[in-house]
Amino acid sequence: MNYVNTLLLILLTAFFNLALAASTEIPDIRGLITTAEQNETWNNILKEYYFAGKTITESDELFDFTLPYRAEDGALVPIKITAKKPQSKEHFIKSFWIIIDKNPKPLAGTFQFSPFNGKADLAMRIRVDAYSPVRVIAATNDEKYYMVSHYVKSSGGCSAPASTDAATALARMGKIRLKIPGIESFGHPLQTRLAISHPNTSGLQKDQVTTLFIPPHYISKIDVKFEGESIFSAETDISISENPNFKFYFVPTKPGILTTVVTDTKGNKFTQSKKLEISTN
């Protein structure tokens, strides 16, 4: 997706949402928000832009996800995706897309999985800039697409100031922490926690001293491999919270090295490796 197309999408989405807000007051009662009102941005712009020509089935048979209906902090909204079937070579979820309809850049990220994950669960924190449907779309290895959506009430997530000062954030930038429970035996899904120190500035925050906008600088790509085989990869954007924190699973079948490579929009690359072996404790 080139810069011109991305800018066009941001402007078109913003214009459509402003027009919708001007013509439709969103009630403060969940039951009064109609499905049609929630889905206008998706149906008129986003579905065709991101999934042109694709048939998407709205169903929670394959997976579901949770997030707070009313999030206290729009910059740190927890989301947890739970797959309902194990990953197998015959049938597996290969991709998730997370889309926040009313965000300036709706696509928060695309996340890749394989049978090596054991189960395609995923958790992280996202930014929500306005009352909005949040959608997770999954693609399976047989090229079928499924979608689950939930409405969330929050605002200001993309323009909220950072939780730490710029100097501290830059000093810590690029530090990666991989946390995996002790391995008693191989061949079972292990929850892996990947925490990355990075300001993930969206371009919409302002410097608290100069009041000028802080240029966007965020993580754009993540690649986690075990002994050279990809177990988790992602392309992410401004809707992922600062200091990204991901939880996912994978199935180690032998001792080896788990390697993470993180790339940001300035071309910086950060790496971390962790040796996996049977726990002796």
C-alpha atoms as a PDB file:
ATOM      1  CA  MET A   1       0.000   0.000   0.000  1.00  0.00           C
ATOM      2  CA  ASN A   2       1.734   3.215  -1.137  1.00  0.00           C
ATOM      3  CA  TYR A   3       1.745   6.589   0.616  1.00  0.00           C
ATOM      4  CA  VAL A   4      -0.817   8.212  -1.721  1.00  0.00           C
ATOM      5  CA  ASN A   5      -3.332   5.399  -1.250  1.00  0.00           C
ATOM      6  CA  THR A   6      -2.842   5.454   2.527  1.00  0.00           C
ATOM      7  CA  LEU A   7      -3.328   9.235   2.683  1.00  0.00           C
ATOM      8  CA  LEU A   8      -6.418   8.961   0.495  1.00  0.00           C
ATOM      9  CA  LEU A   9      -7.906   6.333   2.805  1.00  0.00           C
ATOM     10  CA  ILE A  10      -7.253   8.490   5.900  1.00  0.00           C
ATOM     11  CA  LEU A  11      -8.891  11.563   4.308  1.00  0.00           C
ATOM     12  CA  LEU A  12     -11.827   9.596   2.911  1.00  0.00           C
ATOM     13  CA  THR A  13     -12.492   7.788   6.192  1.00  0.00           C
ATOM     14  CA  ALA A  14     -12.215  11.023   8.204  1.00  0.00           C
ATOM     15  CA  PHE A  15     -14.605  12.846   5.838  1.00  0.00           C
ATOM     16  CA  PHE A  16     -17.128  10.018   5.923  1.00  0.00           C
ATOM     17  CA  ASN A  17     -17.026   9.742   9.716  1.00  0.00           C
ATOM     18  CA  LEU A  18     -17.441  13.500  10.173  1.00  0.00           C
ATOM     19  CA  ALA A  19     -20.414  13.493   7.830  1.00  0.00           C
ATOM     20  CA  LEU A  20     -21.925  10.557   9.670  1.00  0.00           C
ATOM     21  CA  ALA A  21     -21.399  12.229  13.062  1.00  0.00           C
ATOM     22  CA  ALA A  22     -23.031  15.421  11.827  1.00  0.00           C
ATOM     23  CA  SER A  23     -26.114  13.574  10.621  1.00  0.00           C
ATOM     24  CA  THR A  24     -26.427  10.874  13.301  1.00  0.00           C
ATOM     25  CA  GLU A  25     -26.148  11.338  17.029  1.00  0.00           C
ATOM     26  CA  ILE A  26     -24.725   8.167  18.597  1.00  0.00           C
ATOM     27  CA  PRO A  27     -26.787   7.376  21.706  1.00  0.00           C
ATOM     28  CA  ASP A  28     -25.139   6.504  24.989  1.00  0.00           C
ATOM     29  CA  ILE A  29     -27.136   3.290  25.287  1.00  0.00           C
ATOM     30  CA  ARG A  30     -25.710   0.232  23.622  1.00  0.00           C
ATOM     31  CA  GLY A  31     -29.041  -1.212  22.594  1.00  0.00           C
ATOM     32  CA  LEU A  32     -30.003   1.922  20.655  1.00  0.00           C
ATOM     33  CA  ILE A  33     -27.004   1.815  18.348  1.00  0.00           C
ATOM     34  CA  THR A  34     -28.223  -0.025  15.296  1.00  0.00           C
ATOM     35  CA  THR A  35     -26.133  -2.479  13.350  1.00  0.00           C
ATOM     36  CA  ALA A  36     -26.582  -0.345  10.251  1.00  0.00           C
ATOM     37  CA  GLU A  37     -25.128   2.724  11.983  1.00  0.00           C
ATOM     38  CA  GLN A  38     -22.172   0.750  13.304  1.00  0.00           C
ATOM     39  CA  ASN A  39     -21.358  -0.736   9.912  1.00  0.00           C
ATOM     40  CA  GLU A  40     -21.603   2.264   7.594  1.00  0.00           C
ATOM     41  CA  THR A  41     -17.870   3.018   7.433  1.00  0.00           C
ATOM     42  CA  TRP A  42     -17.081  -0.666   6.971  1.00  0.00           C
ATOM     43  CA  ASN A  43     -19.684  -1.253   4.277  1.00  0.00           C
ATOM     44  CA  ASN A  44     -19.051   1.960   2.340  1.00  0.00           C
ATOM     45  CA  ILE A  45     -15.254   2.188   2.474  1.00  0.00           C
ATOM     46  CA  LEU A  46     -13.186  -0.281   4.447  1.00  0.00           C
ATOM     47  CA  LYS A  47     -14.407  -3.668   3.249  1.00  0.00           C
ATOM     48  CA  GLU A  48     -13.761  -2.866  -0.390  1.00  0.00           C
ATOM     49  CA  TYR A  49     -10.480  -1.102   0.363  1.00  0.00           C
ATOM     50  CA  TYR A  50      -8.921  -3.939   2.359  1.00  0.00           C
ATOM     51  CA  PHE A  51     -10.795  -7.002   1.076  1.00  0.00           C
ATOM     52  CA  ALA A  52     -11.876  -6.237  -2.472  1.00  0.00           C
ATOM     53  CA  GLY A  53     -13.517  -9.242  -4.069  1.00  0.00           C
ATOM     54  CA  LYS A  54     -13.412 -11.343  -0.888  1.00  0.00           C
ATOM     55  CA  THR A  55     -16.428 -13.056   0.626  1.00  0.00           C
ATOM     56  CA  ILE A  56     -16.364 -12.614   4.408  1.00  0.00           C
ATOM     57  CA  THR A  57     -18.596 -14.698   6.658  1.00  0.00           C
ATOM     58  CA  GLU A  58     -19.684 -13.026   9.886  1.00  0.00           C
ATOM     59  CA  SER A  59     -19.418 -15.833  12.440  1.00  0.00           C
ATOM     60  CA  ASP A  60     -17.791 -16.631  15.776  1.00  0.00           C
ATOM     61  CA  GLU A  61     -17.612 -20.352  15.004  1.00  0.00           C
ATOM     62  CA  LEU A  62     -13.870 -20.224  14.316  1.00  0.00           C
ATOM     63  CA  PHE A  63     -12.781 -17.613  16.877  1.00  0.00           C
ATOM     64  CA  ASP A  64     -13.996 -14.795  19.065  1.00  0.00           C
ATOM     65  CA  PHE A  65     -12.389 -11.860  20.827  1.00  0.00           C
ATOM     66  CA  THR A  66     -12.946  -9.742  23.878  1.00  0.00           C
ATOM     67  CA  LEU A  67     -12.275  -6.109  24.735  1.00  0.00           C
ATOM     68  CA  PRO A  68     -13.957  -3.722  27.173  1.00  0.00           C
ATOM     69  CA  TYR A  69     -17.193  -2.209  25.913  1.00  0.00           C
ATOM     70  CA  ARG A  70     -16.321   1.045  27.688  1.00  0.00           C
ATOM     71  CA  ALA A  71     -12.537   1.466  27.775  1.00  0.00           C
ATOM     72  CA  GLU A  72     -11.184   3.873  30.385  1.00  0.00           C
ATOM     73  CA  ASP A  73      -8.009   4.671  28.422  1.00  0.00           C
ATOM     74  CA  GLY A  74      -8.355   4.838  24.642  1.00  0.00           C
ATOM     75  CA  ALA A  75      -4.586   4.565  24.245  1.00  0.00           C
ATOM     76  CA  LEU A  76      -4.410   1.210  26.056  1.00  0.00           C
ATOM     77  CA  VAL A  77      -7.400  -0.924  25.124  1.00  0.00           C
ATOM     78  CA  PRO A  78      -6.762  -4.630  25.771  1.00  0.00           C
ATOM     79  CA  ILE A  79      -7.934  -7.062  23.091  1.00  0.00           C
ATOM     80  CA  LYS A  80      -7.752 -10.841  23.301  1.00  0.00           C
ATOM     81  CA  ILE A  81      -8.455 -13.165  20.368  1.00  0.00           C
ATOM     82  CA  THR A  82      -9.278 -16.782  21.188  1.00  0.00           C
ATOM     83  CA  ALA A  83      -9.345 -19.483  18.520  1.00  0.00           C
ATOM     84  CA  LYS A  84     -11.920 -22.240  18.995  1.00  0.00           C
ATOM     85  CA  LYS A  85     -10.066 -24.928  17.065  1.00  0.00           C
ATOM     86  CA  PRO A  86      -6.432 -26.083  17.293  1.00  0.00           C
ATOM     87  CA  GLN A  87      -3.998 -25.320  14.503  1.00  0.00           C
ATOM     88  CA  SER A  88      -3.287 -28.371  12.338  1.00  0.00           C
ATOM     89  CA  LYS A  89      -1.541 -28.931   9.007  1.00  0.00           C
ATOM     90  CA  GLU A  90      -4.887 -29.772   7.447  1.00  0.00           C
ATOM     91  CA  HIS A  91      -6.724 -26.673   8.675  1.00  0.00           C
ATOM     92  CA  PHE A  92      -5.388 -23.563  10.378  1.00  0.00           C
ATOM     93  CA  ILE A  93      -5.848 -19.827  10.717  1.00  0.00           C
ATOM     94  CA  LYS A  94      -3.102 -18.205   8.706  1.00  0.00           C
ATOM     95  CA  SER A  95      -3.893 -14.505   9.207  1.00  0.00           C
ATOM     96  CA  PHE A  96      -5.728 -12.063  11.449  1.00  0.00           C
ATOM     97  CA  TRP A  97      -6.523  -8.447  10.588  1.00  0.00           C
ATOM     98  CA  ILE A  98      -7.564  -6.009  13.336  1.00  0.00           C
ATOM     99  CA  ILE A  99      -9.572  -3.022  12.078  1.00  0.00           C
ATOM    100  CA  ILE A 100     -10.882  -0.099  14.141  1.00  0.00           C
ATOM    101  CA  ASP A 101     -13.416   1.573  11.849  1.00  0.00           C
ATOM    102  CA  LYS A 102     -13.212   5.122  13.200  1.00  0.00           C
ATOM    103  CA  ASN A 103      -9.445   5.369  13.683  1.00  0.00           C
ATOM    104  CA  PRO A 104      -7.472   7.708  11.367  1.00  0.00           C
ATOM    105  CA  LYS A 105      -5.717   4.606   9.993  1.00  0.00           C
ATOM    106  CA  PRO A 106      -8.213   1.813  10.618  1.00  0.00           C
ATOM    107  CA  LEU A 107      -5.948  -1.193  10.034  1.00  0.00           C
ATOM    108  CA  ALA A 108      -4.084  -1.773  13.301  1.00  0.00           C
ATOM    109  CA  GLY A 109      -2.156  -4.741  12.001  1.00  0.00           C
ATOM    110  CA  THR A 110      -1.986  -7.989  10.089  1.00  0.00           C
ATOM    111  CA  PHE A 111      -0.771 -11.047  12.007  1.00  0.00           C
ATOM    112  CA  GLN A 112       0.468 -14.306  10.478  1.00  0.00           C
ATOM    113  CA  PHE A 113       0.160 -17.776  12.017  1.00  0.00           C
ATOM    114  CA  SER A 114       0.889 -21.384  11.063  1.00  0.00           C
ATOM    115  CA  PRO A 115       0.281 -24.931  12.384  1.00  0.00           C
ATOM    116  CA  PHE A 116       3.456 -24.417  14.422  1.00  0.00           C
ATOM    117  CA  ASN A 117       1.470 -22.158  16.796  1.00  0.00           C
ATOM    118  CA  GLY A 118      -0.700 -24.972  18.118  1.00  0.00           C
ATOM    119  CA  LYS A 119      -3.497 -22.480  18.669  1.00  0.00           C
ATOM    120  CA  ALA A 120      -4.033 -19.079  17.101  1.00  0.00           C
ATOM    121  CA  ASP A 121      -4.685 -17.054  20.243  1.00  0.00           C
ATOM    122  CA  LEU A 122      -3.418 -13.480  20.333  1.00  0.00           C
ATOM    123  CA  ALA A 123      -3.533 -10.641  22.864  1.00  0.00           C
ATOM    124  CA  MET A 124      -2.268  -7.052  22.784  1.00  0.00           C
ATOM    125  CA  ARG A 125      -3.277  -3.442  23.485  1.00  0.00           C
ATOM    126  CA  ILE A 126      -4.665  -1.125  20.817  1.00  0.00           C
ATOM    127  CA  ARG A 127      -5.569   2.540  20.425  1.00  0.00           C
ATOM    128  CA  VAL A 128      -9.190   3.514  19.872  1.00  0.00           C
ATOM    129  CA  ASP A 129      -9.717   7.118  18.769  1.00  0.00           C
ATOM    130  CA  ALA A 130     -13.530   7.319  18.821  1.00  0.00           C
ATOM    131  CA  TYR A 131     -16.625   5.240  19.567  1.00  0.00           C
ATOM    132  CA  SER A 132     -16.210   2.506  17.000  1.00  0.00           C
ATOM    133  CA  PRO A 133     -16.721  -1.069  15.923  1.00  0.00           C
ATOM    134  CA  VAL A 134     -13.543  -3.123  16.274  1.00  0.00           C
ATOM    135  CA  ARG A 135     -13.280  -5.974  13.798  1.00  0.00           C
ATOM    136  CA  VAL A 136     -11.121  -9.059  13.620  1.00  0.00           C
ATOM    137  CA  ILE A 137     -11.019 -10.815  10.269  1.00  0.00           C
ATOM    138  CA  ALA A 138      -9.431 -14.245   9.954  1.00  0.00           C
ATOM    139  CA  ALA A 139      -8.240 -16.069   6.848  1.00  0.00           C
ATOM    140  CA  THR A 140      -7.780 -19.824   6.888  1.00  0.00           C
ATOM    141  CA  ASN A 141      -5.377 -21.908   4.823  1.00  0.00           C
ATOM    142  CA  ASP A 142      -8.236 -22.839   2.464  1.00  0.00           C
ATOM    143  CA  GLU A 143      -8.733 -19.124   1.673  1.00  0.00           C
ATOM    144  CA  LYS A 144     -11.962 -18.633   3.603  1.00  0.00           C
ATOM    145  CA  TYR A 145     -12.581 -15.395   5.501  1.00  0.00           C
ATOM    146  CA  TYR A 146     -14.440 -14.929   8.777  1.00  0.00           C
ATOM    147  CA  MET A 147     -15.220 -11.789  10.781  1.00  0.00           C
ATOM    148  CA  VAL A 148     -16.257 -10.980  14.347  1.00  0.00           C
ATOM    149  CA  SER A 149     -16.951  -7.401  15.445  1.00  0.00           C
ATOM    150  CA  HIS A 150     -17.619  -5.722  18.785  1.00  0.00           C
ATOM    151  CA  TYR A 151     -18.484  -2.113  19.563  1.00  0.00           C
ATOM    152  CA  VAL A 152     -16.259  -0.162  21.944  1.00  0.00           C
ATOM    153  CA  LYS A 153     -16.765   3.203  23.580  1.00  0.00           C
ATOM    154  CA  SER A 154     -13.519   5.106  23.929  1.00  0.00           C
ATOM    155  CA  SER A 155     -11.845   8.161  22.461  1.00  0.00           C
ATOM    156  CA  GLY A 156      -8.592  10.031  22.013  1.00  0.00           C
ATOM    157  CA  GLY A 157      -6.385   6.958  21.858  1.00  0.00           C
ATOM    158  CA  CYS A 158      -4.362   8.015  18.822  1.00  0.00           C
ATOM    159  CA  SER A 159      -3.649  11.534  20.096  1.00  0.00           C
ATOM    160  CA  ALA A 160      -3.159  10.766  23.806  1.00  0.00           C
ATOM    161  CA  PRO A 161       0.226  11.892  25.167  1.00  0.00           C
ATOM    162  CA  ALA A 162       2.889   9.291  25.860  1.00  0.00           C
ATOM    163  CA  SER A 163       3.089   7.789  29.338  1.00  0.00           C
ATOM    164  CA  THR A 164       6.813   8.630  29.602  1.00  0.00           C
ATOM    165  CA  ASP A 165       8.906  11.605  28.538  1.00  0.00           C
ATOM    166  CA  ALA A 166      10.634  11.531  25.165  1.00  0.00           C
ATOM    167  CA  ALA A 167      14.163  11.172  26.562  1.00  0.00           C
ATOM    168  CA  THR A 168      13.249   8.129  28.643  1.00  0.00           C
ATOM    169  CA  ALA A 169      11.347   6.545  25.761  1.00  0.00           C
ATOM    170  CA  LEU A 170      14.286   6.978  23.385  1.00  0.00           C
ATOM    171  CA  ALA A 171      16.746   5.586  25.927  1.00  0.00           C
ATOM    172  CA  ARG A 172      14.683   2.402  26.276  1.00  0.00           C
ATOM    173  CA  MET A 173      13.659   2.124  22.623  1.00  0.00           C
ATOM    174  CA  GLY A 174      14.301  -1.252  21.055  1.00  0.00           C
ATOM    175  CA  LYS A 175      14.574  -3.310  24.222  1.00  0.00           C
ATOM    176  CA  ILE A 176      12.855  -6.649  23.704  1.00  0.00           C
ATOM    177  CA  ARG A 177      11.702  -9.066  26.381  1.00  0.00           C
ATOM    178  CA  LEU A 178      10.668 -12.627  25.602  1.00  0.00           C
ATOM    179  CA  LYS A 179       8.925 -14.461  28.421  1.00  0.00           C
ATOM    180  CA  ILE A 180       8.178 -18.176  28.127  1.00  0.00           C
ATOM    181  CA  PRO A 181       7.197 -20.535  30.952  1.00  0.00           C
ATOM    182  CA  GLY A 182       9.540 -23.342  31.927  1.00  0.00           C
ATOM    183  CA  ILE A 183       9.444 -26.222  29.440  1.00  0.00           C
ATOM    184  CA  GLU A 184       8.786 -29.614  30.999  1.00  0.00           C
ATOM    185  CA  SER A 185       8.383 -31.420  27.675  1.00  0.00           C
ATOM    186  CA  PHE A 186       8.247 -30.587  23.986  1.00  0.00           C
ATOM    187  CA  GLY A 187       5.278 -30.804  21.644  1.00  0.00           C
ATOM    188  CA  HIS A 188       2.807 -28.653  23.604  1.00  0.00           C
ATOM    189  CA  PRO A 189       1.639 -25.052  22.940  1.00  0.00           C
ATOM    190  CA  LEU A 190       3.515 -22.533  25.058  1.00  0.00           C
ATOM    191  CA  GLN A 191       2.270 -19.016  25.695  1.00  0.00           C
ATOM    192  CA  THR A 192       4.934 -16.565  24.621  1.00  0.00           C
ATOM    193  CA  ARG A 193       4.967 -12.952  25.735  1.00  0.00           C
ATOM    194  CA  LEU A 194       6.778 -10.459  23.535  1.00  0.00           C
ATOM    195  CA  ALA A 195       7.248  -6.985  25.025  1.00  0.00           C
ATOM    196  CA  ILE A 196       8.924  -4.225  23.002  1.00  0.00           C
ATOM    197  CA  SER A 197       9.953  -0.822  24.333  1.00  0.00           C
ATOM    198  CA  HIS A 198       9.032   1.719  21.682  1.00  0.00           C
ATOM    199  CA  PRO A 199       7.153   5.070  21.784  1.00  0.00           C
ATOM    200  CA  ASN A 200       5.037   4.099  18.751  1.00  0.00           C
ATOM    201  CA  THR A 201       4.159   7.742  18.121  1.00  0.00           C
ATOM    202  CA  SER A 202       1.179   8.130  15.802  1.00  0.00           C
ATOM    203  CA  GLY A 203       1.841  11.586  14.353  1.00  0.00           C
ATOM    204  CA  LEU A 204      -1.262  12.889  16.138  1.00  0.00           C
ATOM    205  CA  GLN A 205       0.285  13.511  19.555  1.00  0.00           C
ATOM    206  CA  LYS A 206       1.629  16.933  20.487  1.00  0.00           C
ATOM    207  CA  ASP A 207       4.838  17.848  22.257  1.00  0.00           C
ATOM    208  CA  GLN A 208       3.736  19.077  25.686  1.00  0.00           C
ATOM    209  CA  VAL A 209       6.323  21.879  25.621  1.00  0.00           C
ATOM    210  CA  THR A 210       6.336  23.151  22.022  1.00  0.00           C
ATOM    211  CA  THR A 211       2.717  22.068  21.265  1.00  0.00           C
ATOM    212  CA  LEU A 212       3.964  20.911  17.857  1.00  0.00           C
ATOM    213  CA  PHE A 213       2.903  17.542  16.470  1.00  0.00           C
ATOM    214  CA  ILE A 214       5.394  14.755  17.121  1.00  0.00           C
ATOM    215  CA  PRO A 215       6.314  12.987  13.848  1.00  0.00           C
ATOM    216  CA  PRO A 216       5.044   9.416  13.489  1.00  0.00           C
ATOM    217  CA  HIS A 217       7.552   6.759  14.516  1.00  0.00           C
ATOM    218  CA  TYR A 218       6.202   3.300  15.163  1.00  0.00           C
ATOM    219  CA  ILE A 219       6.931  -0.395  14.808  1.00  0.00           C
ATOM    220  CA  SER A 220       6.012  -1.591  11.341  1.00  0.00           C
ATOM    221  CA  LYS A 221       7.176  -5.202  11.246  1.00  0.00           C
ATOM    222  CA  ILE A 222       7.736  -8.055  13.692  1.00  0.00           C
ATOM    223  CA  ASP A 223       9.197 -11.447  12.852  1.00  0.00           C
ATOM    224  CA  VAL A 224       9.645 -14.248  15.396  1.00  0.00           C
ATOM    225  CA  LYS A 225      11.378 -17.459  14.319  1.00  0.00           C
ATOM    226  CA  PHE A 226      12.310 -20.705  16.030  1.00  0.00           C
ATOM    227  CA  GLU A 227      15.342 -22.337  14.481  1.00  0.00           C
ATOM    228  CA  GLY A 228      14.723 -20.384  11.284  1.00  0.00           C
ATOM    229  CA  GLU A 229      11.016 -21.272  10.982  1.00  0.00           C
ATOM    230  CA  SER A 230       8.531 -18.416  11.283  1.00  0.00           C
ATOM    231  CA  ILE A 231       6.126 -18.820  14.198  1.00  0.00           C
ATOM    232  CA  PHE A 232       4.703 -15.296  14.401  1.00  0.00           C
ATOM    233  CA  SER A 233       4.946 -12.261  12.161  1.00  0.00           C
ATOM    234  CA  ALA A 234       3.085  -8.984  11.955  1.00  0.00           C
ATOM    235  CA  GLU A 235       2.813  -5.750  10.009  1.00  0.00           C
ATOM    236  CA  THR A 236       1.570  -3.053  12.359  1.00  0.00           C
ATOM    237  CA  ASP A 237       0.542   0.604  12.275  1.00  0.00           C
ATOM    238  CA  ILE A 238      -0.287   3.538  14.568  1.00  0.00           C
ATOM    239  CA  SER A 239      -3.257   1.827  16.248  1.00  0.00           C
ATOM    240  CA  ILE A 240      -0.972  -0.442  18.275  1.00  0.00           C
ATOM    241  CA  SER A 241      -0.309   1.055  21.712  1.00  0.00           C
ATOM    242  CA  GLU A 242       3.072   2.381  22.806  1.00  0.00           C
ATOM    243  CA  ASN A 243       5.478  -0.229  24.179  1.00  0.00           C
ATOM    244  CA  PRO A 244       3.695  -3.041  22.320  1.00  0.00           C
ATOM    245  CA  ASN A 245       3.055  -6.228  24.235  1.00  0.00           C
ATOM    246  CA  PHE A 246       1.908  -9.394  22.441  1.00  0.00           C
ATOM    247  CA  LYS A 247       0.902 -12.805  23.744  1.00  0.00           C
ATOM    248  CA  PHE A 248       0.756 -15.774  21.378  1.00  0.00           C
ATOM    249  CA  TYR A 249       1.451 -19.512  21.347  1.00  0.00           C
ATOM    250  CA  PHE A 250       3.852 -21.837  19.586  1.00  0.00           C
ATOM    251  CA  VAL A 251       4.805 -25.507  19.852  1.00  0.00           C
ATOM    252  CA  PRO A 252       8.524 -26.204  20.263  1.00  0.00           C
ATOM    253  CA  THR A 253       9.391 -29.763  19.243  1.00  0.00           C
ATOM    254  CA  LYS A 254      13.056 -29.662  20.207  1.00  0.00           C
ATOM    255  CA  PRO A 255      15.635 -27.446  21.939  1.00  0.00           C
ATOM    256  CA  GLY A 256      16.583 -24.391  19.926  1.00  0.00           C
ATOM    257  CA  ILE A 257      16.856 -20.636  19.578  1.00  0.00           C
ATOM    258  CA  LEU A 258      13.879 -18.296  19.442  1.00  0.00           C
ATOM    259  CA  THR A 259      14.803 -15.117  17.547  1.00  0.00           C
ATOM    260  CA  THR A 260      12.853 -11.872  17.286  1.00  0.00           C
ATOM    261  CA  VAL A 261      13.505  -9.100  14.761  1.00  0.00           C
ATOM    262  CA  VAL A 262      11.563  -5.837  15.081  1.00  0.00           C
ATOM    263  CA  THR A 263      11.657  -3.052  12.468  1.00  0.00           C
ATOM    264  CA  ASP A 264      10.276   0.469  12.848  1.00  0.00           C
ATOM    265  CA  THR A 265       9.311   3.164  10.340  1.00  0.00           C
ATOM    266  CA  LYS A 266      12.736   4.816  10.523  1.00  0.00           C
ATOM    267  CA  GLY A 267      14.414   1.605   9.442  1.00  0.00           C
ATOM    268  CA  ASN A 268      15.772   0.739  12.881  1.00  0.00           C
ATOM    269  CA  LYS A 269      16.080  -2.994  13.528  1.00  0.00           C
ATOM    270  CA  PHE A 270      16.083  -4.521  16.988  1.00  0.00           C
ATOM    271  CA  THR A 271      16.830  -8.177  17.724  1.00  0.00           C
ATOM    272  CA  GLN A 272      16.619 -10.537  20.660  1.00  0.00           C
ATOM    273  CA  SER A 273      17.281 -14.266  20.997  1.00  0.00           C
ATOM    274  CA  LYS A 274      16.349 -16.775  23.667  1.00  0.00           C
ATOM    275  CA  LYS A 275      17.498 -20.369  24.084  1.00  0.00           C
ATOM    276  CA  LEU A 276      14.778 -22.918  24.728  1.00  0.00           C
ATOM    277  CA  GLU A 277      15.490 -26.193  26.497  1.00  0.00           C
ATOM    278  CA  ILE A 278      13.922 -28.513  29.034  1.00  0.00           C
ATOM    279  CA  SER A 279      13.643 -26.803  32.428  1.00  0.00           C
ATOM    280  CA  THR A 280      15.771 -28.407  35.155  1.00  0.00           C
ATOM    281  CA  ASN A 281      13.908 -26.710  38.010  1.00  0.00           C
END
